[in-house]
């Protein structure tokens, strides 16, 4: 039992008549008790004013766990830009170059300028086209921020609408092709396919004067030109 008695100094003194003369325990901190105290028994101090290292590690573990579960479900893919499109065309051209050489079959990379699609086809011995899907080459669509302004090929000349293609031959020759990409803010890139080794050279800006290296003579089926027909 706790009673209060006022002395002559007008000061309230607490007289204890219970608990064996000991005052009841007062709150040790102005902060609420830690919800993680059960994870670190014996580590709490008289004045629990923060989190322990174990509590912080537990919180970080939970954050990483939640991110690993939710992260893959979020659409965090970066929208392709003009440089990404150029890089993809360069990579795909190398894949198709070696695919034509290794399979000893003709391959064509078709461009649909109106729809903005790019698709590879393998030409069978009977002339039929078979859509080709290999590692590094599959049908894809140009992003909204980039488009094919025009393409110049050996067999078709300048094309700014409709469809055209670049042909890869089993001999290692590639049809000379120049692709003009247009992006935002009047930015542009020019890609030039080399018929000698299939490499693609990328130039900044819209290269007006097309430079096509000399054709390799003696290509079977093409005379002085590596192109063997349209499609």
Foldseek 3Di string as FASTA:
>chain_A
DWDWDQDPVRDIDIADDDPVRDDDDDQQEPDDDDPCCVVPPPPADSYRDDDDPVVVVVVVVVVVVVCVVCVVVDPPDDFDFPVNVVVLVQQLLVVQLVVCQVVQWKKKWKAAQVFQKIWMWTQDPVRDTHTDDDVSGHIDGHTPFKGWQWKAWDVPGIDRHGMDIKMHGNVQFITWMKIWMAGPPRWIKIWTAARPHRGIDIDTDDDPDDDHPQAPADQPCAGSHVDNDGD
